[in-house]
Amino acid sequence: MKIYKRETQTPTHKIVRLNCEEHSDLEYVGDLSDEEVLELFHSLSEDIDKEKNLKLLKYYGYLHLLIKKDTH
């Protein structure tokens, strides 16, 4: 599946927008297999429910993730 991504970062969190359709403000990640998408989720955060989010991305065609940064 073709994946496009945009990340917005703040001191406390980051928002990652993933989309299966091309948009001008998104960076093309590649034509990824399911395993590669799961690896992408893992690279974003180890706490993500990877299987659930893969299903949501496939169903809706886009996924927005709010990822809290460690404040330790």
Protein backbone atom coordinates (compact mmCIF):
# COMPACT_ATOMS: atom_id res chain seq x y z
CA MET A 1 0.00 0.00 0.00
CA LYS A 2 1.30 3.45 -0.88
CA ILE A 3 1.91 5.52 2.23
CA TYR A 4 2.28 9.28 2.54
CA LYS A 5 3.30 10.86 5.86
CA ARG A 6 3.46 14.21 7.61
CA GLU A 7 4.82 14.76 11.12
CA THR A 8 4.25 17.76 13.36
CA GLN A 9 6.33 17.99 16.55
CA THR A 10 5.94 19.95 19.76
CA PRO A 11 7.96 19.69 22.98
CA THR A 12 5.46 17.22 24.49
CA HIS A 13 4.07 15.20 21.57
CA LYS A 14 4.07 14.60 17.85
CA ILE A 15 1.22 14.15 15.43
CA VAL A 16 1.78 11.73 12.57
CA ARG A 17 -0.63 11.81 9.66
CA LEU A 18 -0.58 8.77 7.39
CA ASN A 19 -2.55 8.63 4.18
CA CYS A 20 -2.95 6.17 1.32
CA GLU A 21 -3.62 8.93 -1.22
CA GLU A 22 -1.25 11.56 -2.50
CA HIS A 23 -1.58 15.04 -1.02
CA SER A 24 0.69 17.99 -1.71
CA ASP A 25 1.69 18.52 1.94
CA LEU A 26 2.60 14.86 2.63
CA GLU A 27 5.93 13.11 2.09
CA TYR A 28 5.88 9.88 0.09
CA VAL A 29 7.18 7.02 2.26
CA GLY A 30 6.86 4.21 -0.29
CA ASP A 31 4.74 1.32 -1.48
CA LEU A 32 4.87 -0.73 1.72
CA SER A 33 3.82 -4.27 2.54
CA ASP A 34 1.82 -4.93 5.72
CA GLU A 35 5.02 -5.96 7.52
CA GLU A 36 6.76 -2.75 6.48
CA VAL A 37 3.79 -0.67 7.73
CA LEU A 38 4.00 -2.51 11.07
CA GLU A 39 7.72 -1.68 11.20
CA LEU A 40 6.88 1.97 10.47
CA PHE A 41 4.45 1.99 13.41
CA HIS A 42 7.14 0.44 15.63
CA SER A 43 9.64 3.11 14.55
CA LEU A 44 7.14 5.83 15.57
CA SER A 45 6.40 4.37 19.01
CA GLU A 46 6.71 0.99 20.68
CA ASP A 47 3.38 1.59 22.50
CA ILE A 48 1.24 1.65 19.34
CA ASP A 49 -1.28 -1.16 18.81
CA LYS A 50 0.19 -2.01 15.43
CA GLU A 51 -2.36 -4.55 14.19
CA LYS A 52 -5.35 -2.38 15.12
CA ASN A 53 -3.88 0.70 13.46
CA LEU A 54 -2.99 -1.25 10.33
CA LYS A 55 -6.65 -2.33 10.04
CA LEU A 56 -7.81 1.28 10.57
CA LEU A 57 -5.39 2.58 7.93
CA LYS A 58 -6.60 -0.02 5.43
CA TYR A 59 -10.28 0.62 6.17
CA TYR A 60 -10.31 4.43 6.21
CA GLY A 61 -7.32 5.14 3.96
CA TYR A 62 -5.81 7.52 6.50
CA LEU A 63 -4.69 7.51 10.12
CA HIS A 64 -3.77 10.31 12.53
CA LEU A 65 -1.61 9.34 15.51
CA LEU A 66 -0.97 11.49 18.58
CA ILE A 67 2.23 10.23 20.17
CA LYS A 68 3.29 11.55 23.57
CA LYS A 69 7.00 12.07 24.07
CA ASP A 70 8.71 10.77 27.18
CA THR A 71 9.13 13.63 29.62
CA HIS A 72 11.67 11.84 31.85
